[in-house]
N, C-alpha and C. Protein backbone atom coordinates (compact mmCIF):
# COMPACT_ATOMS: atom_id res chain seq x y z
N MET A 1 0.78 -1.03 0.00
CA MET A 1 0.35 0.08 -0.06
C MET A 1 0.61 1.18 -0.13
N ILE A 2 1.70 1.61 0.80
CA ILE A 2 2.51 2.48 0.82
C ILE A 2 3.49 2.66 -0.32
N SER A 3 4.07 1.57 -1.01
CA SER A 3 4.56 1.92 -2.15
C SER A 3 3.55 2.38 -3.52
N PHE A 4 2.77 1.81 -3.25
CA PHE A 4 1.36 2.41 -4.29
C PHE A 4 1.37 4.13 -4.00
N LEU A 5 1.35 4.44 -3.15
CA LEU A 5 1.03 5.75 -2.70
C LEU A 5 2.24 6.77 -2.90
N GLN A 6 3.39 6.00 -2.92
CA GLN A 6 4.60 6.71 -3.35
C GLN A 6 4.92 6.71 -5.13
N VAL A 7 4.02 5.80 -5.80
CA VAL A 7 4.10 6.18 -7.00
C VAL A 7 2.96 6.98 -7.48
N VAL A 8 1.85 6.65 -6.98
CA VAL A 8 0.81 7.61 -7.18
C VAL A 8 0.58 8.99 -7.02
N LEU A 9 1.04 8.83 -5.71
CA LEU A 9 0.94 10.69 -5.24
C LEU A 9 1.88 11.43 -6.16
N PRO A 10 3.12 11.27 -6.49
CA PRO A 10 3.83 12.28 -7.08
C PRO A 10 3.48 12.14 -8.96
N LEU A 11 2.75 11.22 -9.15
CA LEU A 11 2.15 11.42 -10.55
C LEU A 11 1.22 12.32 -10.60
N ILE A 12 0.29 12.41 -9.70
CA ILE A 12 -0.84 13.16 -9.50
C ILE A 12 -0.45 14.68 -9.25
N ILE A 13 0.66 14.51 -8.36
CA ILE A 13 1.32 15.94 -8.41
C ILE A 13 1.77 16.58 -9.65
N TYR A 14 2.69 15.80 -10.13
CA TYR A 14 2.93 16.27 -11.50
C TYR A 14 1.95 16.58 -12.49
N VAL A 15 1.13 15.95 -12.74
CA VAL A 15 -0.18 16.03 -13.49
C VAL A 15 -1.10 17.46 -13.15
N LEU A 16 -1.29 17.77 -11.87
CA LEU A 16 -1.65 19.11 -11.67
C LEU A 16 -0.64 20.07 -11.96
N LEU A 17 0.57 19.94 -11.67
CA LEU A 17 1.43 20.94 -11.77
C LEU A 17 1.64 21.37 -13.28
N ILE A 18 1.46 20.18 -14.07
CA ILE A 18 1.59 20.58 -15.74
C ILE A 18 0.20 21.30 -16.11
N ILE A 19 -1.21 20.90 -15.55
CA ILE A 19 -2.06 21.27 -15.85
C ILE A 19 -2.11 23.22 -15.30
N LEU A 20 -1.76 23.43 -14.17
CA LEU A 20 -1.52 24.69 -13.72
C LEU A 20 -0.66 25.52 -14.74
N LEU A 21 0.60 24.83 -14.99
CA LEU A 21 1.60 25.44 -15.90
C LEU A 21 0.81 25.78 -17.14
N VAL A 22 0.17 24.93 -17.86
CA VAL A 22 -0.79 25.13 -18.96
C VAL A 22 -1.45 26.56 -18.52
N ILE A 23 -2.52 26.41 -17.64
CA ILE A 23 -3.43 27.27 -17.39
C ILE A 23 -2.54 28.70 -17.29
N GLY A 24 -1.40 28.74 -16.52
CA GLY A 24 -0.64 30.14 -16.45
C GLY A 24 -0.07 30.44 -18.04
N ILE A 25 -0.07 29.86 -18.80
CA ILE A 25 0.45 30.06 -20.08
C ILE A 25 -0.53 30.65 -20.64
N ILE A 26 -1.63 29.70 -20.74
CA ILE A 26 -2.80 30.65 -21.41
C ILE A 26 -3.18 32.19 -21.07
N LEU A 27 -3.21 31.97 -19.62
CA LEU A 27 -3.47 33.31 -18.98
C LEU A 27 -2.70 34.53 -19.40
N GLY A 28 -1.24 34.26 -19.31
CA GLY A 28 -0.29 35.12 -19.70
C GLY A 28 -0.17 35.55 -21.35
N ILE A 29 -0.50 34.81 -22.18
CA ILE A 29 -1.04 35.17 -23.59
C ILE A 29 -2.27 35.91 -23.61
N ARG A 30 -3.03 35.56 -23.14
CA ARG A 30 -4.57 36.36 -22.97
C ARG A 30 -4.22 37.82 -22.43
N SER A 31 -3.54 37.80 -21.35
CA SER A 31 -3.12 38.92 -20.67
C SER A 31 -2.42 39.96 -21.73
N ILE A 32 -1.44 39.24 -22.27
CA ILE A 32 -0.62 40.09 -23.34
C ILE A 32 -1.43 40.88 -24.51
N GLN A 33 -2.43 39.87 -25.16
CA GLN A 33 -3.29 40.27 -26.15
C GLN A 33 -4.32 41.38 -25.34
N THR A 34 -4.75 41.39 -24.22
CA THR A 34 -5.54 42.29 -23.75
C THR A 34 -4.79 43.87 -23.62
N LEU A 35 -3.59 43.46 -23.07
CA LEU A 35 -2.92 44.90 -23.40
C LEU A 35 -2.21 45.49 -24.40
N ASN A 36 -2.23 44.55 -25.29
CA ASN A 36 -2.08 45.11 -26.69
C ASN A 36 -3.48 45.93 -27.52
N LYS A 37 -4.44 45.34 -26.88
CA LYS A 37 -5.61 46.29 -27.47
C LYS A 37 -5.83 47.45 -26.75
N VAL A 38 -5.66 47.37 -25.36
CA VAL A 38 -5.55 48.36 -24.63
C VAL A 38 -4.70 49.54 -24.73
N ASP A 39 -3.51 49.36 -25.61
CA ASP A 39 -2.12 49.93 -26.16
C ASP A 39 -3.03 50.82 -27.07
N LYS A 40 -3.97 49.90 -28.05
CA LYS A 40 -4.09 50.48 -29.29
C LYS A 40 -5.11 51.48 -28.98
N VAL A 41 -6.08 51.33 -28.00
CA VAL A 41 -7.38 52.62 -27.74
C VAL A 41 -6.55 53.47 -27.22
N VAL A 42 -5.61 53.22 -26.27
CA VAL A 42 -5.10 54.63 -25.80
C VAL A 42 -4.31 55.50 -26.65
N GLU A 43 -3.72 54.61 -27.56
CA GLU A 43 -3.35 55.64 -28.70
C GLU A 43 -4.10 56.21 -29.62
N ASP A 44 -5.17 55.43 -29.78
CA ASP A 44 -5.99 56.43 -30.26
C ASP A 44 -6.69 57.39 -29.75
N VAL A 45 -6.85 57.54 -28.34
CA VAL A 45 -7.66 58.54 -27.46
C VAL A 45 -6.55 59.66 -27.60
N ASN A 46 -5.24 59.29 -27.39
CA ASN A 46 -4.24 60.38 -27.54
C ASN A 46 -4.15 61.04 -28.50
N ASP A 47 -4.62 60.35 -29.71
CA ASP A 47 -4.23 60.82 -31.35
C ASP A 47 -5.49 62.26 -31.12
N LYS A 48 -6.75 61.42 -30.66
CA LYS A 48 -7.89 62.68 -30.81
C LYS A 48 -7.67 63.76 -30.03
N VAL A 49 -7.09 63.45 -28.89
CA VAL A 49 -6.92 64.82 -27.70
C VAL A 49 -5.92 65.69 -28.40
N GLN A 50 -4.83 64.92 -29.32
CA GLN A 50 -4.19 65.91 -29.65
C GLN A 50 -4.59 67.11 -31.03
N SER A 51 -5.78 66.21 -31.71
CA SER A 51 -6.30 66.86 -32.71
C SER A 51 -7.22 68.01 -32.02
N LEU A 52 -7.28 67.85 -30.98
CA LEU A 52 -8.20 69.14 -30.22
C LEU A 52 -7.28 70.32 -29.49
N ASN A 53 -6.15 69.87 -29.37
CA ASN A 53 -5.11 70.79 -28.60
C ASN A 53 -5.28 72.51 -29.39
N GLY A 54 -5.44 72.21 -30.65
CA GLY A 54 -5.40 73.65 -31.58
C GLY A 54 -6.78 74.55 -31.00
N PHE A 55 -7.89 73.58 -30.92
CA PHE A 55 -9.30 73.91 -30.50
C PHE A 55 -9.26 74.79 -29.35
N PHE A 56 -8.43 74.03 -28.33
CA PHE A 56 -8.48 74.41 -27.08
C PHE A 56 -7.17 75.52 -26.74
N ASN A 57 -6.43 75.49 -27.54
CA ASN A 57 -5.33 76.89 -27.60
C ASN A 57 -6.38 78.20 -28.00
N ILE A 58 -7.10 78.08 -29.11
CA ILE A 58 -8.01 79.17 -29.65
C ILE A 58 -9.05 79.44 -28.14
N ILE A 59 -9.55 78.67 -27.73
CA ILE A 59 -10.36 78.96 -26.48
C ILE A 59 -9.51 79.72 -25.54
N ASP A 60 -8.40 79.37 -25.22
CA ASP A 60 -7.47 79.63 -24.19
C ASP A 60 -7.32 80.97 -24.55
N PHE A 61 -7.04 81.16 -25.80
CA PHE A 61 -6.28 82.79 -26.35
C PHE A 61 -7.62 83.65 -25.98
N THR A 62 -8.94 83.21 -26.58
CA THR A 62 -9.75 84.12 -27.05
C THR A 62 -10.33 84.23 -25.08
N THR A 63 -10.31 83.47 -24.19
CA THR A 63 -10.72 84.01 -22.80
C THR A 63 -9.64 84.69 -22.40
N ASP A 64 -8.21 84.54 -22.62
CA ASP A 64 -7.22 85.76 -22.05
C ASP A 64 -7.65 87.10 -22.44
N LYS A 65 -7.91 87.24 -23.88
CA LYS A 65 -8.18 88.53 -24.18
C LYS A 65 -9.55 89.04 -23.78
N ILE A 66 -10.08 88.12 -23.77
CA ILE A 66 -11.77 88.87 -22.86
C ILE A 66 -11.46 89.19 -21.26
N VAL A 67 -10.70 88.48 -20.71
CA VAL A 67 -10.40 89.04 -19.48
C VAL A 67 -9.72 90.10 -19.44
N SER A 68 -8.56 90.16 -20.47
CA SER A 68 -7.73 91.58 -20.46
C SER A 68 -8.78 92.80 -20.40
N VAL A 69 -9.93 92.70 -21.46
CA VAL A 69 -10.42 93.74 -21.73
C VAL A 69 -11.50 93.91 -20.60
N THR A 70 -11.94 93.12 -19.98
CA THR A 70 -13.08 93.32 -19.03
C THR A 70 -12.16 93.79 -17.90
N ASP A 71 -10.83 93.37 -17.57
CA ASP A 71 -10.27 94.02 -16.51
C ASP A 71 -9.65 95.70 -16.71
N LYS A 72 -9.43 96.02 -17.87
CA LYS A 72 -9.33 97.29 -18.42
C LYS A 72 -10.50 98.13 -18.04
N VAL A 73 -11.67 97.52 -18.31
CA VAL A 73 -13.31 98.55 -18.28
C VAL A 73 -13.25 98.60 -16.70
N VAL A 74 -13.23 97.39 -16.06
CA VAL A 74 -13.37 97.63 -14.55
C VAL A 74 -12.22 98.33 -13.77
N GLU A 75 -11.11 98.31 -14.16
CA GLU A 75 -10.24 99.48 -13.57
C GLU A 75 -10.66 100.90 -13.90
N GLY A 76 -11.14 101.04 -15.21
CA GLY A 76 -11.40 102.56 -15.58
C GLY A 76 -12.70 102.77 -15.09
N VAL A 77 -13.61 102.23 -14.77
CA VAL A 77 -14.83 102.40 -14.13
C VAL A 77 -14.75 102.66 -12.68
N SER A 78 -13.66 102.12 -12.03
CA SER A 78 -13.40 102.08 -10.58
C SER A 78 -12.67 103.38 -10.25
N GLY A 79 -11.75 103.73 -11.16
CA GLY A 79 -11.13 104.90 -11.33
C GLY A 79 -12.20 105.91 -11.37
N LEU A 80 -12.71 105.90 -12.28
CA LEU A 80 -13.74 107.24 -12.49
C LEU A 80 -14.23 107.34 -11.15
N ILE A 81 -15.28 106.25 -10.59
CA ILE A 81 -15.61 106.13 -9.29
C ILE A 81 -15.01 106.90 -8.57
N GLY A 82 -13.71 106.21 -8.20
CA GLY A 82 -13.01 106.76 -7.27
C GLY A 82 -12.70 108.52 -7.22
N ARG A 83 -12.56 108.83 -8.32
CA ARG A 83 -12.16 110.46 -8.50
C ARG A 83 -13.18 111.01 -8.30
N VAL A 84 -14.69 110.43 -8.49
CA VAL A 84 -15.86 111.25 -8.16
C VAL A 84 -16.05 111.34 -6.64
N PHE A 85 -15.80 110.13 -6.18
CA PHE A 85 -15.97 110.49 -4.33
C PHE A 85 -15.05 111.13 -4.08
N LYS A 86 -13.72 111.42 -4.35
CA LYS A 86 -12.90 111.89 -3.83
C LYS A 86 -12.79 113.46 -4.26
N ARG A 87 -13.53 113.78 -5.35
CA ARG A 87 -13.61 115.11 -5.43
C ARG A 87 -14.55 115.52 -4.31
N LYS A 88 -15.75 114.83 -4.04
CA LYS A 88 -17.10 115.23 -3.14
C LYS A 88 -16.24 115.23 -1.91
N SER A 89 -15.34 114.11 -1.57
CA SER A 89 -14.78 114.32 -0.23
C SER A 89 -13.87 115.65 0.13
N THR A 90 -13.28 116.16 -1.10
CA THR A 90 -11.99 117.12 -1.07
C THR A 90 -13.19 118.70 -1.02
N LYS A 91 -14.22 118.46 -1.61
CA LYS A 91 -14.87 119.64 -1.67
C LYS A 91 -15.54 119.81 -0.41
N SER A 92 -15.97 118.86 0.49
CA SER A 92 -16.55 118.87 1.70
C SER A 92 -15.63 119.31 2.70
N GLU A 93 -14.44 119.10 2.51
CA GLU A 93 -13.42 119.44 3.69
C GLU A 93 -12.77 120.81 3.56
N GLU A 94 -12.92 121.31 2.44
CA GLU A 94 -12.39 122.79 2.20
C GLU A 94 -13.70 123.70 2.46
N GLU A 95 -14.99 122.99 2.47
CA GLU A 95 -15.89 123.80 3.13
C GLU A 95 -15.80 123.95 4.34
N GLU A 96 -15.36 123.28 5.03
CA GLU A 96 -15.12 122.98 6.57
C GLU A 96 -14.40 123.95 7.00
């Protein structure tokens, strides 16, 4: 009985290890194929984003110009309001 187990158990272990090795190789090949597909998708998305860079640059330039114009308008209006109130305060001080 013991000699039978000494012969059969290593054979069972070897068969199971061979099956495990084959499954590992198959999973490795499948994962490499999946990574190649993911790489193609990432390259495609990257190309599409690069094609939109010009559009985003135009939008950025336009918003910068709009902000600079509105800043100048706000500075002018605040300066005008400041001068009006300054004149009133100096006139009231002179009267006193």
